[in-house]
């Protein structure tokens, strides 16, 4: 719940700073108790920031970022999807994203602080429309599900 509240505030701040508007949607699966589901702090904010800065949402119709949380068995699936121009259409082909290394560092720091092992997987998908054209990017993080005590 704290992370979702923080994301809403962060997105609101960014919308005021930008010259264009975009939708920010949060979809929480019915199996998720947002008050008691734990994720490493500030994990999703980095991905939202990447969407805002790199997806070129100002160049698409109905720009949107969607954050989804689902529980599948004992795995928490976090998904962040944008409908921007896609990674293949970036103007700076030499840009090296630091998001993955920062995400890994945050998970390691959380492991040390919480004295638990949060081994996760991170996947980036290039989305395409029905004409096989780039239509955004989806970042997925899978983490062991744990409840806050």
C-alpha atoms as a PDB file:
ATOM      1  CA  UNK A   1       0.000   0.000   0.000  1.00  0.00           C
ATOM      2  CA  UNK A   2       2.850   2.386   0.847  1.00  0.00           C
ATOM      3  CA  UNK A   3       4.562   1.735  -2.491  1.00  0.00           C
ATOM      4  CA  UNK A   4       1.344   2.329  -4.455  1.00  0.00           C
ATOM      5  CA  UNK A   5       0.728   5.563  -2.560  1.00  0.00           C
ATOM      6  CA  UNK A   6       4.281   6.673  -3.258  1.00  0.00           C
ATOM      7  CA  UNK A   7       3.937   5.802  -6.971  1.00  0.00           C
ATOM      8  CA  UNK A   8       0.738   7.858  -7.214  1.00  0.00           C
ATOM      9  CA  UNK A   9       2.488  10.837  -5.637  1.00  0.00           C
ATOM     10  CA  UNK A  10       5.565  10.434  -7.840  1.00  0.00           C
ATOM     11  CA  UNK A  11       3.470  10.224 -11.035  1.00  0.00           C
ATOM     12  CA  UNK A  12       1.440  13.258  -9.980  1.00  0.00           C
ATOM     13  CA  UNK A  13       4.655  15.224  -9.457  1.00  0.00           C
ATOM     14  CA  UNK A  14       6.012  14.149 -12.860  1.00  0.00           C
ATOM     15  CA  UNK A  15       2.751  15.066 -14.624  1.00  0.00           C
ATOM     16  CA  UNK A  16       3.012  18.611 -13.281  1.00  0.00           C
ATOM     17  CA  UNK A  17       6.587  18.841 -14.509  1.00  0.00           C
ATOM     18  CA  UNK A  18       5.932  17.570 -18.051  1.00  0.00           C
ATOM     19  CA  UNK A  19       4.443  19.276 -21.089  1.00  0.00           C
ATOM     20  CA  UNK A  20       2.049  16.385 -21.765  1.00  0.00           C
ATOM     21  CA  UNK A  21      -0.374  14.212 -19.825  1.00  0.00           C
ATOM     22  CA  UNK A  22      -0.623  10.439 -19.586  1.00  0.00           C
ATOM     23  CA  UNK A  23      -2.790   7.923 -17.764  1.00  0.00           C
ATOM     24  CA  UNK A  24      -1.380   5.992 -14.824  1.00  0.00           C
ATOM     25  CA  UNK A  25      -3.360   2.906 -13.928  1.00  0.00           C
ATOM     26  CA  UNK A  26      -2.875   0.495 -11.044  1.00  0.00           C
ATOM     27  CA  UNK A  27      -4.407  -2.985 -11.272  1.00  0.00           C
ATOM     28  CA  UNK A  28      -4.255  -5.104  -8.125  1.00  0.00           C
ATOM     29  CA  UNK A  29      -5.325  -8.732  -8.377  1.00  0.00           C
ATOM     30  CA  UNK A  30      -8.151  -9.783  -6.031  1.00  0.00           C
ATOM     31  CA  UNK A  31      -5.806 -12.256  -4.327  1.00  0.00           C
ATOM     32  CA  UNK A  32      -3.519  -9.414  -3.155  1.00  0.00           C
ATOM     33  CA  UNK A  33      -3.884  -7.885   0.310  1.00  0.00           C
ATOM     34  CA  UNK A  34      -2.138  -4.567  -0.404  1.00  0.00           C
ATOM     35  CA  UNK A  35      -1.764  -3.741   3.285  1.00  0.00           C
ATOM     36  CA  UNK A  36       0.172  -6.940   4.018  1.00  0.00           C
ATOM     37  CA  UNK A  37       2.038  -7.797   0.826  1.00  0.00           C
ATOM     38  CA  UNK A  38       5.740  -7.037   0.965  1.00  0.00           C
ATOM     39  CA  UNK A  39       7.962  -5.818  -1.857  1.00  0.00           C
ATOM     40  CA  UNK A  40      11.388  -4.195  -1.654  1.00  0.00           C
ATOM     41  CA  UNK A  41      10.960  -0.429  -1.251  1.00  0.00           C
ATOM     42  CA  UNK A  42      11.332   1.876  -4.253  1.00  0.00           C
ATOM     43  CA  UNK A  43      11.533  -1.074  -6.648  1.00  0.00           C
ATOM     44  CA  UNK A  44       8.768  -0.013  -9.028  1.00  0.00           C
ATOM     45  CA  UNK A  45       9.465   3.731  -8.927  1.00  0.00           C
ATOM     46  CA  UNK A  46      12.651   3.204 -10.928  1.00  0.00           C
ATOM     47  CA  UNK A  47      10.715   1.466 -13.708  1.00  0.00           C
ATOM     48  CA  UNK A  48       8.013   4.162 -13.722  1.00  0.00           C
ATOM     49  CA  UNK A  49      10.744   6.775 -14.022  1.00  0.00           C
ATOM     50  CA  UNK A  50      12.240   4.906 -16.988  1.00  0.00           C
ATOM     51  CA  UNK A  51       8.833   4.821 -18.703  1.00  0.00           C
ATOM     52  CA  UNK A  52       8.345   8.541 -18.219  1.00  0.00           C
ATOM     53  CA  UNK A  53      11.844   9.461 -19.382  1.00  0.00           C
ATOM     54  CA  UNK A  54      12.419   7.002 -22.231  1.00  0.00           C
ATOM     55  CA  UNK A  55       9.111   5.670 -23.638  1.00  0.00           C
ATOM     56  CA  UNK A  56       8.403   8.890 -25.563  1.00  0.00           C
ATOM     57  CA  UNK A  57       4.819   8.880 -24.352  1.00  0.00           C
ATOM     58  CA  UNK A  58       4.395  12.412 -25.666  1.00  0.00           C
ATOM     59  CA  UNK A  59       4.519  10.962 -29.203  1.00  0.00           C
ATOM     60  CA  UNK A  60       1.687   8.427 -28.926  1.00  0.00           C
ATOM     61  CA  UNK A  61      -2.093   8.678 -28.831  1.00  0.00           C
ATOM     62  CA  UNK A  62      -3.620   8.068 -25.375  1.00  0.00           C
ATOM     63  CA  UNK A  63      -0.290   7.620 -23.551  1.00  0.00           C
ATOM     64  CA  UNK A  64      -0.501   5.314 -20.550  1.00  0.00           C
ATOM     65  CA  UNK A  65       1.519   3.450 -17.973  1.00  0.00           C
ATOM     66  CA  UNK A  66      -0.091   0.493 -16.218  1.00  0.00           C
ATOM     67  CA  UNK A  67       1.227  -1.122 -13.042  1.00  0.00           C
ATOM     68  CA  UNK A  68      -0.204  -4.538 -12.190  1.00  0.00           C
ATOM     69  CA  UNK A  69       0.295  -6.831  -9.206  1.00  0.00           C
ATOM     70  CA  UNK A  70      -0.769 -10.464  -9.150  1.00  0.00           C
ATOM     71  CA  UNK A  71      -0.059 -13.486  -7.004  1.00  0.00           C
ATOM     72  CA  UNK A  72       0.478 -16.769  -8.817  1.00  0.00           C
ATOM     73  CA  UNK A  73       0.965 -19.574  -6.308  1.00  0.00           C
ATOM     74  CA  UNK A  74       3.797 -18.285  -4.085  1.00  0.00           C
ATOM     75  CA  UNK A  75       5.112 -15.783  -6.619  1.00  0.00           C
ATOM     76  CA  UNK A  76       4.375 -12.076  -6.708  1.00  0.00           C
ATOM     77  CA  UNK A  77       4.257 -10.833 -10.311  1.00  0.00           C
ATOM     78  CA  UNK A  78       4.805  -7.097 -10.747  1.00  0.00           C
ATOM     79  CA  UNK A  79       4.270  -5.719 -14.239  1.00  0.00           C
ATOM     80  CA  UNK A  80       4.837  -2.236 -15.580  1.00  0.00           C
ATOM     81  CA  UNK A  81       3.614  -1.628 -19.109  1.00  0.00           C
ATOM     82  CA  UNK A  82       3.746   1.488 -21.269  1.00  0.00           C
ATOM     83  CA  UNK A  83       2.330   2.140 -24.738  1.00  0.00           C
ATOM     84  CA  UNK A  84       5.257   4.287 -25.861  1.00  0.00           C
ATOM     85  CA  UNK A  85       7.480   4.017 -28.913  1.00  0.00           C
ATOM     86  CA  UNK A  86       9.321   0.893 -27.726  1.00  0.00           C
ATOM     87  CA  UNK A  87      13.000   0.236 -27.169  1.00  0.00           C
ATOM     88  CA  UNK A  88      13.757  -0.394 -30.855  1.00  0.00           C
ATOM     89  CA  UNK A  89      12.693   3.164 -31.682  1.00  0.00           C
ATOM     90  CA  UNK A  90      14.924   4.931 -29.191  1.00  0.00           C
ATOM     91  CA  UNK A  91      16.854   7.773 -30.759  1.00  0.00           C
ATOM     92  CA  UNK A  92      19.947   7.149 -28.599  1.00  0.00           C
ATOM     93  CA  UNK A  93      20.989   3.594 -29.486  1.00  0.00           C
ATOM     94  CA  UNK A  94      24.060   3.865 -27.229  1.00  0.00           C
ATOM     95  CA  UNK A  95      22.006   4.485 -24.072  1.00  0.00           C
ATOM     96  CA  UNK A  96      22.851   1.903 -21.420  1.00  0.00           C
ATOM     97  CA  UNK A  97      19.996   1.530 -18.948  1.00  0.00           C
ATOM     98  CA  UNK A  98      21.134   1.206 -15.374  1.00  0.00           C
ATOM     99  CA  UNK A  99      17.722   0.022 -14.200  1.00  0.00           C
ATOM    100  CA  UNK A 100      18.589  -3.687 -13.944  1.00  0.00           C
ATOM    101  CA  UNK A 101      21.742  -3.154 -11.883  1.00  0.00           C
ATOM    102  CA  UNK A 102      19.932  -0.704  -9.589  1.00  0.00           C
ATOM    103  CA  UNK A 103      17.024  -3.165  -9.185  1.00  0.00           C
ATOM    104  CA  UNK A 104      19.464  -5.950  -8.301  1.00  0.00           C
ATOM    105  CA  UNK A 105      21.205  -3.694  -5.785  1.00  0.00           C
ATOM    106  CA  UNK A 106      17.888  -2.791  -4.126  1.00  0.00           C
ATOM    107  CA  UNK A 107      16.948  -6.461  -3.822  1.00  0.00           C
ATOM    108  CA  UNK A 108      20.366  -7.293  -2.310  1.00  0.00           C
ATOM    109  CA  UNK A 109      20.073  -4.398   0.163  1.00  0.00           C
ATOM    110  CA  UNK A 110      16.581  -5.559   1.122  1.00  0.00           C
ATOM    111  CA  UNK A 111      17.881  -9.100   1.663  1.00  0.00           C
ATOM    112  CA  UNK A 112      20.552  -7.802   4.038  1.00  0.00           C
ATOM    113  CA  UNK A 113      18.195  -5.497   5.915  1.00  0.00           C
ATOM    114  CA  UNK A 114      15.289  -7.938   6.208  1.00  0.00           C
ATOM    115  CA  UNK A 115      17.515 -11.012   6.690  1.00  0.00           C
ATOM    116  CA  UNK A 116      15.614 -12.956   4.046  1.00  0.00           C
ATOM    117  CA  UNK A 117      16.473 -14.104   0.576  1.00  0.00           C
ATOM    118  CA  UNK A 118      14.408 -12.391  -2.112  1.00  0.00           C
ATOM    119  CA  UNK A 119      15.591 -13.994  -5.308  1.00  0.00           C
ATOM    120  CA  UNK A 120      13.708 -12.507  -8.198  1.00  0.00           C
ATOM    121  CA  UNK A 121      13.656 -12.494 -11.953  1.00  0.00           C
ATOM    122  CA  UNK A 122      13.439  -9.454 -14.186  1.00  0.00           C
ATOM    123  CA  UNK A 123      12.186  -9.578 -17.759  1.00  0.00           C
ATOM    124  CA  UNK A 124      11.761  -6.864 -20.393  1.00  0.00           C
ATOM    125  CA  UNK A 125       9.314  -7.501 -23.236  1.00  0.00           C
ATOM    126  CA  UNK A 126       9.082  -5.454 -26.429  1.00  0.00           C
ATOM    127  CA  UNK A 127       5.382  -5.129 -27.221  1.00  0.00           C
ATOM    128  CA  UNK A 128       4.019  -5.112 -30.774  1.00  0.00           C
ATOM    129  CA  UNK A 129       0.654  -4.220 -32.255  1.00  0.00           C
ATOM    130  CA  UNK A 130      -1.386  -6.226 -34.774  1.00  0.00           C
ATOM    131  CA  UNK A 131       0.801  -4.821 -37.601  1.00  0.00           C
ATOM    132  CA  UNK A 132       3.984  -6.029 -35.884  1.00  0.00           C
ATOM    133  CA  UNK A 133       4.964  -2.446 -35.050  1.00  0.00           C
ATOM    134  CA  UNK A 134       6.502  -1.463 -31.711  1.00  0.00           C
ATOM    135  CA  UNK A 135       3.745  -0.508 -29.265  1.00  0.00           C
ATOM    136  CA  UNK A 136       5.499  -0.156 -25.936  1.00  0.00           C
ATOM    137  CA  UNK A 137       7.474  -2.048 -23.361  1.00  0.00           C
ATOM    138  CA  UNK A 138       6.576  -4.297 -20.446  1.00  0.00           C
ATOM    139  CA  UNK A 139       8.857  -4.915 -17.489  1.00  0.00           C
ATOM    140  CA  UNK A 140       8.036  -7.886 -15.298  1.00  0.00           C
ATOM    141  CA  UNK A 141       9.482  -8.696 -11.912  1.00  0.00           C
ATOM    142  CA  UNK A 142       8.776 -12.012 -10.219  1.00  0.00           C
ATOM    143  CA  UNK A 143       9.491 -12.234  -6.503  1.00  0.00           C
ATOM    144  CA  UNK A 144       8.720 -14.774  -3.818  1.00  0.00           C
ATOM    145  CA  UNK A 145       5.470 -13.725  -2.177  1.00  0.00           C
ATOM    146  CA  UNK A 146       5.744 -12.736   1.453  1.00  0.00           C
ATOM    147  CA  UNK A 147       3.394 -11.093   3.903  1.00  0.00           C
ATOM    148  CA  UNK A 148       4.376  -8.278   6.224  1.00  0.00           C
ATOM    149  CA  UNK A 149       4.087  -9.090   9.877  1.00  0.00           C
END
